[in-house]
Amino acid sequence: MDGILISSIEAAERAWLRWAAMRGVDPDLTVRTLHGRRTVETVSILRPDLDAQAELKVVEELECSDIDGLKVLPGVPELLRALPPNRWTVVTSATARLARVRLSAAGLPLPERLVTAELVSNGKPHPEPFLAGAALLEYPAQSCVVFEDSISGAQAGRAAGCTVVATTFSHGIESLDAAHYVVPDVAAVTVTESADGLVLRLGQLAG
């Protein structure tokens, strides 16, 4: 979701920096740690002495109340229109509430079902989130394509056995070595249907 469909990086960092100030955590360390992880895992890294589930509710409230600056990333509306509704979903480290708030605020369609932080026991880079996404779509993971912008997300997709397409929205190409392909964004991605299923063409590769 974040970094592929929408950019909420500024809003997310504002919320987490407020939390860091409340909990006495170094702000730079907070920003370096939060992206691509579930809130409970980020809290466990930054303040292992706190109740991660209780802090989840605090952070969720901060994030859901700040949607300023959300924007849809290039090529996203066109890509989603080209995909049959039952052939794609969102696999996110955000909670269901936060995912729905952000996608709705951005004016993007909501998948009927999506994989969120509450539905898995292990967050990215563990493969469980993408295995759950493949199961939700009723396809083997090897038949699924993952779009990611984070290092942990690319690692999770690769570990799940999916084909991973990473974008350089938040990380340089040199850090995305877990991806099979790297593109600047999804603007050049096109979708056609064949007798064997959907065919994705990536256009201009990064680097």
N, C-alpha and C. Protein backbone atom coordinates (compact mmCIF):
# COMPACT_ATOMS: atom_id res chain seq x y z
N MET A 1 0.84 -1.19 0.00
CA MET A 1 0.00 0.00 0.00
C MET A 1 0.88 1.25 0.00
N ASP A 2 1.47 1.57 1.16
CA ASP A 2 2.33 2.75 1.24
C ASP A 2 3.60 2.54 0.41
N GLY A 3 3.86 3.50 -0.44
CA GLY A 3 5.06 3.42 -1.28
C GLY A 3 4.83 2.75 -2.61
N ILE A 4 3.66 2.13 -2.79
CA ILE A 4 3.30 1.53 -4.07
C ILE A 4 2.02 2.18 -4.60
N LEU A 5 0.95 2.14 -3.83
CA LEU A 5 -0.31 2.75 -4.24
C LEU A 5 -0.37 4.23 -3.85
N ILE A 6 0.04 4.51 -2.63
CA ILE A 6 -0.03 5.89 -2.13
C ILE A 6 1.28 6.27 -1.45
N SER A 7 1.47 7.56 -1.30
CA SER A 7 2.54 8.07 -0.47
C SER A 7 1.94 8.67 0.79
N SER A 8 2.21 8.04 1.91
CA SER A 8 1.78 8.59 3.20
C SER A 8 2.98 8.72 4.12
N ILE A 9 4.16 8.78 3.52
CA ILE A 9 5.38 8.74 4.31
C ILE A 9 5.47 9.93 5.27
N GLU A 10 5.05 11.10 4.82
CA GLU A 10 5.13 12.28 5.69
C GLU A 10 4.17 12.15 6.87
N ALA A 11 2.94 11.71 6.57
CA ALA A 11 1.95 11.54 7.65
C ALA A 11 2.39 10.46 8.63
N ALA A 12 2.91 9.35 8.11
CA ALA A 12 3.36 8.27 8.98
C ALA A 12 4.50 8.73 9.88
N GLU A 13 5.45 9.44 9.31
CA GLU A 13 6.58 9.89 10.12
C GLU A 13 6.15 10.93 11.14
N ARG A 14 5.20 11.80 10.78
CA ARG A 14 4.71 12.77 11.77
C ARG A 14 4.08 12.05 12.96
N ALA A 15 3.27 11.03 12.68
CA ALA A 15 2.60 10.29 13.76
C ALA A 15 3.62 9.58 14.63
N TRP A 16 4.59 8.92 14.00
CA TRP A 16 5.58 8.18 14.77
C TRP A 16 6.51 9.12 15.54
N LEU A 17 6.79 10.28 15.01
CA LEU A 17 7.62 11.23 15.76
C LEU A 17 6.88 11.76 16.97
N ARG A 18 5.56 11.90 16.87
CA ARG A 18 4.78 12.29 18.05
C ARG A 18 4.85 11.18 19.09
N TRP A 19 4.72 9.94 18.62
CA TRP A 19 4.83 8.82 19.56
C TRP A 19 6.22 8.78 20.18
N ALA A 20 7.26 8.99 19.40
CA ALA A 20 8.64 8.96 19.91
C ALA A 20 8.84 10.02 20.99
N ALA A 21 8.27 11.21 20.77
CA ALA A 21 8.38 12.27 21.78
C ALA A 21 7.65 11.88 23.05
N MET A 22 6.51 11.22 22.91
CA MET A 22 5.74 10.77 24.07
C MET A 22 6.48 9.71 24.87
N ARG A 23 7.25 8.88 24.18
CA ARG A 23 7.88 7.72 24.82
C ARG A 23 9.40 7.86 24.98
N GLY A 24 9.93 9.03 24.67
CA GLY A 24 11.36 9.27 24.89
C GLY A 24 12.27 8.45 23.99
N VAL A 25 11.87 8.27 22.73
CA VAL A 25 12.65 7.50 21.77
C VAL A 25 13.34 8.45 20.81
N ASP A 26 14.58 8.12 20.44
CA ASP A 26 15.32 8.94 19.50
C ASP A 26 14.56 9.07 18.18
N PRO A 27 14.30 10.30 17.71
CA PRO A 27 13.48 10.46 16.50
C PRO A 27 14.13 9.90 15.24
N ASP A 28 15.43 10.07 15.09
CA ASP A 28 16.09 9.54 13.89
C ASP A 28 16.03 8.02 13.85
N LEU A 29 16.23 7.39 15.00
CA LEU A 29 16.13 5.93 15.08
C LEU A 29 14.71 5.48 14.76
N THR A 30 13.73 6.23 15.21
CA THR A 30 12.34 5.89 14.95
C THR A 30 12.06 5.88 13.46
N VAL A 31 12.47 6.93 12.76
CA VAL A 31 12.22 7.03 11.32
C VAL A 31 12.95 5.92 10.57
N ARG A 32 14.16 5.59 10.99
CA ARG A 32 14.93 4.53 10.31
C ARG A 32 14.30 3.15 10.53
N THR A 33 13.55 3.00 11.59
CA THR A 33 13.05 1.68 11.98
C THR A 33 11.65 1.38 11.48
N LEU A 34 10.80 2.39 11.33
CA LEU A 34 9.37 2.15 11.20
C LEU A 34 8.92 1.60 9.86
N HIS A 35 9.60 1.92 8.77
CA HIS A 35 9.06 1.62 7.44
C HIS A 35 9.14 0.12 7.13
N GLY A 36 8.02 -0.41 6.61
CA GLY A 36 7.97 -1.80 6.18
C GLY A 36 7.74 -2.79 7.31
N ARG A 37 7.44 -2.29 8.51
CA ARG A 37 7.20 -3.18 9.66
C ARG A 37 5.82 -2.91 10.25
N ARG A 38 5.28 -3.94 10.90
CA ARG A 38 4.06 -3.74 11.66
C ARG A 38 4.38 -2.90 12.89
N THR A 39 3.38 -2.19 13.38
CA THR A 39 3.58 -1.32 14.54
C THR A 39 4.09 -2.10 15.74
N VAL A 40 3.52 -3.29 15.98
CA VAL A 40 3.94 -4.04 17.17
C VAL A 40 5.41 -4.41 17.10
N GLU A 41 5.91 -4.68 15.90
CA GLU A 41 7.32 -5.03 15.76
C GLU A 41 8.22 -3.80 15.90
N THR A 42 7.76 -2.67 15.37
CA THR A 42 8.52 -1.44 15.52
C THR A 42 8.62 -1.04 16.99
N VAL A 43 7.50 -1.12 17.70
CA VAL A 43 7.51 -0.80 19.14
C VAL A 43 8.43 -1.75 19.89
N SER A 44 8.39 -3.04 19.55
CA SER A 44 9.23 -4.02 20.25
C SER A 44 10.71 -3.75 20.05
N ILE A 45 11.07 -3.18 18.90
CA ILE A 45 12.47 -2.82 18.65
C ILE A 45 12.85 -1.56 19.41
N LEU A 46 11.97 -0.56 19.36
CA LEU A 46 12.32 0.75 19.92
C LEU A 46 12.12 0.83 21.43
N ARG A 47 11.06 0.19 21.94
CA ARG A 47 10.79 0.20 23.38
C ARG A 47 10.32 -1.18 23.81
N PRO A 48 11.24 -2.14 23.88
CA PRO A 48 10.86 -3.51 24.23
C PRO A 48 10.25 -3.65 25.62
N ASP A 49 10.40 -2.61 26.45
CA ASP A 49 9.84 -2.65 27.80
C ASP A 49 8.35 -2.31 27.84
N LEU A 50 7.81 -1.82 26.72
CA LEU A 50 6.40 -1.42 26.69
C LEU A 50 5.53 -2.56 26.16
N ASP A 51 4.24 -2.47 26.46
CA ASP A 51 3.25 -3.41 25.94
C ASP A 51 2.97 -3.03 24.49
N ALA A 52 3.47 -3.85 23.55
CA ALA A 52 3.36 -3.50 22.13
C ALA A 52 1.90 -3.40 21.68
N GLN A 53 1.03 -4.24 22.21
CA GLN A 53 -0.38 -4.18 21.81
C GLN A 53 -1.05 -2.90 22.29
N ALA A 54 -0.69 -2.47 23.49
CA ALA A 54 -1.24 -1.21 23.99
C ALA A 54 -0.72 -0.03 23.17
N GLU A 55 0.57 -0.06 22.82
CA GLU A 55 1.15 1.02 22.03
C GLU A 55 0.59 1.04 20.61
N LEU A 56 0.22 -0.13 20.10
CA LEU A 56 -0.41 -0.21 18.79
C LEU A 56 -1.63 0.68 18.72
N LYS A 57 -2.45 0.66 19.75
CA LYS A 57 -3.67 1.46 19.75
C LYS A 57 -3.33 2.96 19.76
N VAL A 58 -2.27 3.31 20.50
CA VAL A 58 -1.84 4.72 20.55
C VAL A 58 -1.37 5.18 19.17
N VAL A 59 -0.50 4.39 18.55
CA VAL A 59 0.05 4.77 17.25
C VAL A 59 -1.05 4.77 16.18
N GLU A 60 -1.94 3.78 16.21
CA GLU A 60 -3.02 3.72 15.24
C GLU A 60 -3.88 4.98 15.29
N GLU A 61 -4.19 5.43 16.50
CA GLU A 61 -5.00 6.64 16.65
C GLU A 61 -4.26 7.85 16.07
N LEU A 62 -2.95 7.95 16.35
CA LEU A 62 -2.16 9.05 15.81
C LEU A 62 -2.14 9.02 14.29
N GLU A 63 -1.98 7.83 13.72
CA GLU A 63 -1.88 7.73 12.26
C GLU A 63 -3.23 7.95 11.58
N CYS A 64 -4.29 7.42 12.15
CA CYS A 64 -5.61 7.58 11.53
C CYS A 64 -6.10 9.03 11.58
N SER A 65 -5.60 9.80 12.51
CA SER A 65 -6.03 11.19 12.64
C SER A 65 -5.22 12.15 11.78
N ASP A 66 -4.22 11.64 11.06
CA ASP A 66 -3.37 12.50 10.23
C ASP A 66 -3.31 11.92 8.81
N ILE A 67 -4.09 12.51 7.91
CA ILE A 67 -4.07 12.08 6.51
C ILE A 67 -3.62 13.21 5.60
N ASP A 68 -3.08 14.28 6.18
CA ASP A 68 -2.62 15.41 5.37
C ASP A 68 -1.46 14.98 4.48
N GLY A 69 -1.52 15.40 3.23
CA GLY A 69 -0.42 15.15 2.31
C GLY A 69 -0.43 13.80 1.63
N LEU A 70 -1.47 12.99 1.86
CA LEU A 70 -1.56 11.71 1.16
C LEU A 70 -1.70 11.96 -0.34
N LYS A 71 -0.99 11.18 -1.14
CA LYS A 71 -1.14 11.33 -2.58
C LYS A 71 -1.03 9.97 -3.26
N VAL A 72 -1.75 9.85 -4.35
CA VAL A 72 -1.71 8.64 -5.16
C VAL A 72 -0.44 8.68 -6.01
N LEU A 73 0.26 7.57 -6.08
CA LEU A 73 1.52 7.52 -6.82
C LEU A 73 1.28 7.31 -8.31
N PRO A 74 2.26 7.66 -9.14
CA PRO A 74 2.08 7.62 -10.60
C PRO A 74 1.67 6.25 -11.11
N GLY A 75 0.70 6.24 -12.01
CA GLY A 75 0.28 5.02 -12.69
C GLY A 75 -0.67 4.13 -11.92
N VAL A 76 -0.95 4.46 -10.67
CA VAL A 76 -1.74 3.56 -9.82
C VAL A 76 -3.20 3.44 -10.29
N PRO A 77 -3.92 4.54 -10.54
CA PRO A 77 -5.31 4.37 -10.98
C PRO A 77 -5.43 3.53 -12.25
N GLU A 78 -4.51 3.77 -13.19
CA GLU A 78 -4.55 3.03 -14.45
C GLU A 78 -4.28 1.54 -14.22
N LEU A 79 -3.32 1.23 -13.37
CA LEU A 79 -3.00 -0.17 -13.09
C LEU A 79 -4.17 -0.88 -12.42
N LEU A 80 -4.78 -0.24 -11.43
CA LEU A 80 -5.88 -0.88 -10.72
C LEU A 80 -7.10 -1.07 -11.62
N ARG A 81 -7.33 -0.12 -12.53
CA ARG A 81 -8.45 -0.28 -13.48
C ARG A 81 -8.22 -1.45 -14.42
N ALA A 82 -6.94 -1.75 -14.71
CA ALA A 82 -6.61 -2.82 -15.65
C ALA A 82 -6.67 -4.20 -15.01
N LEU A 83 -6.67 -4.26 -13.69
CA LEU A 83 -6.66 -5.55 -12.99
C LEU A 83 -8.08 -5.98 -12.64
N PRO A 84 -8.47 -7.20 -12.96
CA PRO A 84 -9.78 -7.69 -12.50
C PRO A 84 -9.86 -7.62 -10.97
N PRO A 85 -11.00 -7.23 -10.42
CA PRO A 85 -11.10 -7.03 -8.97
C PRO A 85 -10.72 -8.25 -8.13
N ASN A 86 -10.93 -9.44 -8.68
CA ASN A 86 -10.63 -10.65 -7.90
C ASN A 86 -9.20 -11.15 -8.10
N ARG A 87 -8.37 -10.35 -8.78
CA ARG A 87 -7.02 -10.80 -9.08
C ARG A 87 -5.94 -9.99 -8.37
N TRP A 88 -6.35 -9.06 -7.51
CA TRP A 88 -5.35 -8.30 -6.77
C TRP A 88 -5.86 -8.01 -5.37
N THR A 89 -4.93 -7.78 -4.47
CA THR A 89 -5.28 -7.37 -3.12
C THR A 89 -4.14 -6.55 -2.54
N VAL A 90 -4.35 -6.05 -1.35
CA VAL A 90 -3.33 -5.29 -0.62
C VAL A 90 -2.82 -6.14 0.53
N VAL A 91 -1.51 -6.23 0.64
CA VAL A 91 -0.86 -6.91 1.77
C VAL A 91 -0.03 -5.85 2.47
N THR A 92 -0.46 -5.42 3.62
CA THR A 92 0.15 -4.26 4.26
C THR A 92 0.51 -4.52 5.72
N SER A 93 1.51 -3.80 6.19
CA SER A 93 1.88 -3.85 7.60
C SER A 93 0.99 -2.96 8.45
N ALA A 94 0.11 -2.19 7.79
CA ALA A 94 -0.82 -1.33 8.52
C ALA A 94 -1.97 -2.16 9.10
N THR A 95 -2.65 -1.59 10.06
CA THR A 95 -3.86 -2.23 10.57
C THR A 95 -4.99 -2.06 9.55
N ALA A 96 -6.03 -2.86 9.69
CA ALA A 96 -7.16 -2.76 8.76
C ALA A 96 -7.78 -1.37 8.81
N ARG A 97 -7.93 -0.84 10.01
CA ARG A 97 -8.53 0.50 10.14
C ARG A 97 -7.69 1.53 9.41
N LEU A 98 -6.38 1.51 9.61
CA LEU A 98 -5.51 2.50 8.99
C LEU A 98 -5.48 2.32 7.47
N ALA A 99 -5.42 1.09 7.01
CA ALA A 99 -5.40 0.84 5.57
C ALA A 99 -6.66 1.41 4.91
N ARG A 100 -7.81 1.18 5.52
CA ARG A 100 -9.06 1.65 4.93
C ARG A 100 -9.15 3.18 4.99
N VAL A 101 -8.66 3.77 6.08
CA VAL A 101 -8.66 5.24 6.18
C VAL A 101 -7.80 5.84 5.08
N ARG A 102 -6.61 5.30 4.88
CA ARG A 102 -5.70 5.89 3.90
C ARG A 102 -6.15 5.66 2.47
N LEU A 103 -6.59 4.45 2.15
CA LEU A 103 -7.05 4.18 0.78
C LEU A 103 -8.29 5.00 0.45
N SER A 104 -9.20 5.13 1.40
CA SER A 104 -10.40 5.93 1.18
C SER A 104 -10.05 7.40 1.00
N ALA A 105 -9.14 7.90 1.83
CA ALA A 105 -8.73 9.31 1.72
C ALA A 105 -8.06 9.59 0.39
N ALA A 106 -7.38 8.59 -0.15
CA ALA A 106 -6.71 8.75 -1.44
C ALA A 106 -7.66 8.55 -2.62
N GLY A 107 -8.89 8.10 -2.34
CA GLY A 107 -9.85 7.90 -3.41
C GLY A 107 -9.61 6.64 -4.23
N LEU A 108 -8.91 5.67 -3.66
CA LEU A 108 -8.62 4.43 -4.37
C LEU A 108 -9.62 3.35 -3.99
N PRO A 109 -9.85 2.38 -4.87
CA PRO A 109 -10.78 1.30 -4.55
C PRO A 109 -10.24 0.42 -3.43
N LEU A 110 -11.14 -0.06 -2.62
CA LEU A 110 -10.78 -0.97 -1.54
C LEU A 110 -11.00 -2.41 -2.01
N PRO A 111 -9.98 -3.26 -1.91
CA PRO A 111 -10.23 -4.67 -2.21
C PRO A 111 -11.30 -5.21 -1.26
N GLU A 112 -12.05 -6.19 -1.75
CA GLU A 112 -13.09 -6.78 -0.90
C GLU A 112 -12.47 -7.36 0.36
N ARG A 113 -11.31 -8.01 0.20
CA ARG A 113 -10.57 -8.55 1.34
C ARG A 113 -9.11 -8.15 1.19
N LEU A 114 -8.45 -7.87 2.30
CA LEU A 114 -7.04 -7.53 2.26
C LEU A 114 -6.33 -8.13 3.46
N VAL A 115 -5.02 -8.22 3.37
CA VAL A 115 -4.21 -8.79 4.44
C VAL A 115 -3.58 -7.62 5.21
N THR A 116 -3.91 -7.54 6.50
CA THR A 116 -3.42 -6.44 7.33
C THR A 116 -2.66 -7.00 8.53
N ALA A 117 -2.15 -6.09 9.34
CA ALA A 117 -1.26 -6.49 10.44
C ALA A 117 -1.90 -7.48 11.39
N GLU A 118 -3.22 -7.34 11.62
CA GLU A 118 -3.88 -8.18 12.61
C GLU A 118 -4.04 -9.63 12.15
N LEU A 119 -3.94 -9.86 10.84
CA LEU A 119 -4.28 -11.17 10.29
C LEU A 119 -3.10 -12.12 10.21
N VAL A 120 -1.92 -11.66 10.57
CA VAL A 120 -0.74 -12.53 10.52
C VAL A 120 -0.03 -12.52 11.87
N SER A 121 0.67 -13.61 12.14
CA SER A 121 1.46 -13.69 13.37
C SER A 121 2.84 -13.11 13.19
N ASN A 122 3.33 -13.12 11.94
CA ASN A 122 4.68 -12.64 11.64
C ASN A 122 4.61 -11.61 10.53
N GLY A 123 5.19 -10.45 10.77
CA GLY A 123 5.22 -9.42 9.75
C GLY A 123 6.40 -9.59 8.81
N LYS A 124 6.44 -8.75 7.76
CA LYS A 124 7.57 -8.73 6.84
C LYS A 124 8.85 -8.43 7.63
N PRO A 125 9.96 -9.07 7.32
CA PRO A 125 10.33 -9.84 6.12
C PRO A 125 9.93 -11.31 6.14
N HIS A 126 9.16 -11.76 7.13
CA HIS A 126 8.66 -13.13 7.12
C HIS A 126 7.72 -13.31 5.93
N PRO A 127 7.70 -14.47 5.29
CA PRO A 127 6.83 -14.67 4.12
C PRO A 127 5.35 -14.77 4.43
N GLU A 128 4.97 -14.90 5.70
CA GLU A 128 3.56 -15.15 6.03
C GLU A 128 2.59 -14.16 5.41
N PRO A 129 2.86 -12.84 5.42
CA PRO A 129 1.87 -11.92 4.84
C PRO A 129 1.56 -12.21 3.37
N PHE A 130 2.59 -12.50 2.57
CA PHE A 130 2.34 -12.74 1.15
C PHE A 130 1.79 -14.13 0.89
N LEU A 131 2.12 -15.08 1.72
CA LEU A 131 1.47 -16.39 1.61
C LEU A 131 -0.02 -16.26 1.92
N ALA A 132 -0.34 -15.41 2.89
CA ALA A 132 -1.75 -15.17 3.21
C ALA A 132 -2.45 -14.46 2.05
N GLY A 133 -1.76 -13.52 1.41
CA GLY A 133 -2.34 -12.84 0.26
C GLY A 133 -2.61 -13.78 -0.90
N ALA A 134 -1.67 -14.68 -1.16
CA ALA A 134 -1.85 -15.67 -2.23
C ALA A 134 -3.03 -16.58 -1.92
N ALA A 135 -3.12 -17.02 -0.67
CA ALA A 135 -4.22 -17.89 -0.26
C ALA A 135 -5.56 -17.17 -0.40
N LEU A 136 -5.58 -15.89 -0.06
CA LEU A 136 -6.81 -15.10 -0.17
C LEU A 136 -7.28 -15.04 -1.62
N LEU A 137 -6.32 -14.89 -2.55
CA LEU A 137 -6.65 -14.83 -3.97
C LEU A 137 -6.87 -16.20 -4.59
N GLU A 138 -6.53 -17.24 -3.82
CA GLU A 138 -6.68 -18.63 -4.27
C GLU A 138 -5.77 -18.95 -5.45
N TYR A 139 -4.53 -18.44 -5.35
CA TYR A 139 -3.50 -18.78 -6.32
C TYR A 139 -2.25 -19.23 -5.56
N PRO A 140 -1.46 -20.12 -6.15
CA PRO A 140 -0.18 -20.45 -5.52
C PRO A 140 0.72 -19.21 -5.51
N ALA A 141 1.52 -19.10 -4.47
CA ALA A 141 2.40 -17.93 -4.36
C ALA A 141 3.29 -17.78 -5.59
N GLN A 142 3.70 -18.89 -6.18
CA GLN A 142 4.58 -18.85 -7.34
C GLN A 142 3.91 -18.20 -8.55
N SER A 143 2.58 -18.09 -8.53
CA SER A 143 1.85 -17.45 -9.62
C SER A 143 1.54 -15.98 -9.34
N CYS A 144 1.97 -15.49 -8.19
CA CYS A 144 1.65 -14.13 -7.77
C CYS A 144 2.82 -13.18 -7.97
N VAL A 145 2.49 -11.93 -8.26
CA VAL A 145 3.49 -10.87 -8.38
C VAL A 145 3.30 -9.91 -7.21
N VAL A 146 4.37 -9.64 -6.52
CA VAL A 146 4.37 -8.72 -5.39
C VAL A 146 4.99 -7.40 -5.84
N PHE A 147 4.33 -6.29 -5.56
CA PHE A 147 4.91 -4.97 -5.75
C PHE A 147 5.27 -4.42 -4.38
N GLU A 148 6.51 -4.04 -4.20
CA GLU A 148 7.01 -3.57 -2.91
C GLU A 148 7.97 -2.40 -3.10
N ASP A 149 8.11 -1.59 -2.05
CA ASP A 149 9.13 -0.54 -2.08
C ASP A 149 10.10 -0.66 -0.92
N SER A 150 9.80 -1.54 0.04
CA SER A 150 10.67 -1.65 1.21
C SER A 150 11.58 -2.87 1.11
N ILE A 151 12.69 -2.81 1.82
CA ILE A 151 13.63 -3.93 1.84
C ILE A 151 12.96 -5.15 2.46
N SER A 152 12.29 -4.96 3.60
CA SER A 152 11.65 -6.10 4.27
C SER A 152 10.53 -6.68 3.44
N GLY A 153 9.81 -5.84 2.71
CA GLY A 153 8.73 -6.33 1.87
C GLY A 153 9.25 -7.15 0.70
N ALA A 154 10.33 -6.67 0.07
CA ALA A 154 10.92 -7.42 -1.04
C ALA A 154 11.44 -8.77 -0.54
N GLN A 155 12.05 -8.78 0.64
CA GLN A 155 12.54 -10.03 1.21
C GLN A 155 11.39 -10.98 1.51
N ALA A 156 10.29 -10.46 2.01
CA ALA A 156 9.12 -11.29 2.32
C ALA A 156 8.53 -11.91 1.07
N GLY A 157 8.41 -11.10 0.01
CA GLY A 157 7.87 -11.62 -1.24
C GLY A 157 8.73 -12.71 -1.84
N ARG A 158 10.05 -12.48 -1.82
CA ARG A 158 10.98 -13.49 -2.33
C ARG A 158 10.89 -14.77 -1.50
N ALA A 159 10.84 -14.64 -0.17
CA ALA A 159 10.77 -15.81 0.70
C ALA A 159 9.47 -16.59 0.50
N ALA A 160 8.40 -15.89 0.11
CA ALA A 160 7.12 -16.55 -0.12
C ALA A 160 7.09 -17.30 -1.45
N GLY A 161 8.06 -17.03 -2.31
CA GLY A 161 8.10 -17.68 -3.61
C GLY A 161 7.42 -16.89 -4.71
N CYS A 162 7.05 -15.65 -4.42
CA CYS A 162 6.41 -14.79 -5.43
C CYS A 162 7.46 -14.15 -6.33
N THR A 163 7.02 -13.63 -7.46
CA THR A 163 7.87 -12.76 -8.28
C THR A 163 7.77 -11.36 -7.67
N VAL A 164 8.90 -10.75 -7.39
CA VAL A 164 8.91 -9.47 -6.69
C VAL A 164 9.36 -8.35 -7.62
N VAL A 165 8.51 -7.34 -7.74
CA VAL A 165 8.83 -6.12 -8.47
C VAL A 165 8.94 -5.00 -7.44
N ALA A 166 10.12 -4.43 -7.30
CA ALA A 166 10.32 -3.36 -6.33
C ALA A 166 10.37 -2.02 -7.05
N THR A 167 9.91 -0.98 -6.37
CA THR A 167 10.05 0.38 -6.88
C THR A 167 11.07 1.12 -6.03
N THR A 168 11.61 2.18 -6.59
CA THR A 168 12.64 2.96 -5.89
C THR A 168 12.04 4.15 -5.17
N PHE A 169 10.78 4.02 -4.74
CA PHE A 169 10.12 5.13 -4.05
C PHE A 169 10.84 5.51 -2.76
N SER A 170 11.20 4.51 -1.96
CA SER A 170 11.78 4.80 -0.65
C SER A 170 13.18 4.24 -0.45
N HIS A 171 13.63 3.36 -1.34
CA HIS A 171 14.95 2.77 -1.18
C HIS A 171 15.66 2.72 -2.53
N GLY A 172 16.98 2.86 -2.49
CA GLY A 172 17.78 2.79 -3.70
C GLY A 172 17.85 1.38 -4.25
N ILE A 173 18.15 1.29 -5.53
CA ILE A 173 18.17 0.00 -6.21
C ILE A 173 19.18 -0.95 -5.57
N GLU A 174 20.26 -0.39 -5.02
CA GLU A 174 21.32 -1.24 -4.46
C GLU A 174 20.86 -1.99 -3.21
N SER A 175 19.80 -1.53 -2.55
CA SER A 175 19.33 -2.18 -1.32
C SER A 175 18.16 -3.13 -1.59
N LEU A 176 17.73 -3.23 -2.84
CA LEU A 176 16.56 -4.03 -3.16
C LEU A 176 16.94 -5.31 -3.89
N ASP A 177 18.04 -5.92 -3.46
CA ASP A 177 18.56 -7.09 -4.17
C ASP A 177 17.67 -8.32 -4.01
N ALA A 178 16.70 -8.28 -3.10
CA ALA A 178 15.77 -9.41 -2.97
C ALA A 178 14.73 -9.42 -4.08
N ALA A 179 14.57 -8.30 -4.77
CA ALA A 179 13.57 -8.21 -5.84
C ALA A 179 14.09 -8.87 -7.12
N HIS A 180 13.17 -9.39 -7.90
CA HIS A 180 13.52 -9.92 -9.22
C HIS A 180 13.69 -8.80 -10.24
N TYR A 181 12.87 -7.76 -10.10
CA TYR A 181 12.91 -6.62 -11.00
C TYR A 181 12.77 -5.35 -10.18
N VAL A 182 13.35 -4.26 -10.67
CA VAL A 182 13.21 -2.96 -10.01
C VAL A 182 12.79 -1.94 -11.06
N VAL A 183 11.74 -1.19 -10.74
CA VAL A 183 11.23 -0.14 -11.62
C VAL A 183 11.12 1.16 -10.82
N PRO A 184 11.11 2.30 -11.50
CA PRO A 184 10.96 3.56 -10.75
C PRO A 184 9.62 3.65 -10.03
N ASP A 185 8.53 3.25 -10.72
CA ASP A 185 7.18 3.24 -10.15
C ASP A 185 6.34 2.35 -11.05
N VAL A 186 5.02 2.32 -10.83
CA VAL A 186 4.18 1.41 -11.62
C VAL A 186 3.60 2.08 -12.86
N ALA A 187 4.04 3.29 -13.17
CA ALA A 187 3.45 4.04 -14.28
C ALA A 187 3.62 3.32 -15.62
N ALA A 188 4.72 2.62 -15.80
CA ALA A 188 4.97 1.95 -17.08
C ALA A 188 4.48 0.50 -17.10
N VAL A 189 3.85 0.04 -16.01
CA VAL A 189 3.36 -1.34 -15.96
C VAL A 189 2.04 -1.44 -16.71
N THR A 190 1.97 -2.38 -17.64
CA THR A 190 0.73 -2.61 -18.37
C THR A 190 0.25 -4.04 -18.13
N VAL A 191 -1.06 -4.23 -18.26
CA VAL A 191 -1.67 -5.53 -18.00
C VAL A 191 -2.50 -5.94 -19.20
N THR A 192 -2.28 -7.15 -19.68
CA THR A 192 -3.12 -7.72 -20.73
C THR A 192 -3.51 -9.13 -20.30
N GLU A 193 -4.56 -9.64 -20.90
CA GLU A 193 -4.99 -11.01 -20.59
C GLU A 193 -4.63 -11.93 -21.74
N SER A 194 -4.19 -13.13 -21.39
CA SER A 194 -3.88 -14.15 -22.38
C SER A 194 -4.59 -15.43 -21.98
N ALA A 195 -4.44 -16.46 -22.78
CA ALA A 195 -5.07 -17.74 -22.46
C ALA A 195 -4.53 -18.32 -21.17
N ASP A 196 -3.31 -17.93 -20.80
CA ASP A 196 -2.67 -18.45 -19.59
C ASP A 196 -2.91 -17.57 -18.37
N GLY A 197 -3.59 -16.44 -18.55
CA GLY A 197 -3.82 -15.56 -17.41
C GLY A 197 -3.40 -14.14 -17.71
N LEU A 198 -3.08 -13.38 -16.68
CA LEU A 198 -2.66 -11.99 -16.85
C LEU A 198 -1.19 -11.92 -17.23
N VAL A 199 -0.88 -10.99 -18.12
CA VAL A 199 0.51 -10.73 -18.51
C VAL A 199 0.86 -9.31 -18.09
N LEU A 200 1.89 -9.17 -17.27
CA LEU A 200 2.34 -7.85 -16.83
C LEU A 200 3.63 -7.51 -17.58
N ARG A 201 3.65 -6.34 -18.17
CA ARG A 201 4.86 -5.82 -18.81
C ARG A 201 5.33 -4.62 -17.99
N LEU A 202 6.61 -4.62 -17.66
CA LEU A 202 7.11 -3.65 -16.69
C LEU A 202 7.60 -2.34 -17.29
N GLY A 203 7.81 -2.29 -18.60
CA GLY A 203 8.30 -1.06 -19.18
C GLY A 203 9.74 -0.82 -18.80
N GLN A 204 10.03 0.41 -18.38
CA GLN A 204 11.41 0.82 -18.10
C GLN A 204 11.88 0.27 -16.74
N LEU A 205 12.92 -0.57 -16.76
CA LEU A 205 13.51 -1.04 -15.52
C LEU A 205 14.42 0.03 -14.95
N ALA A 206 14.55 0.07 -13.63
CA ALA A 206 15.46 1.02 -12.98
C ALA A 206 16.89 0.52 -13.08
N GLY A 207 17.80 1.46 -13.10
CA GLY A 207 19.22 1.10 -13.10
C GLY A 207 19.67 0.52 -14.40
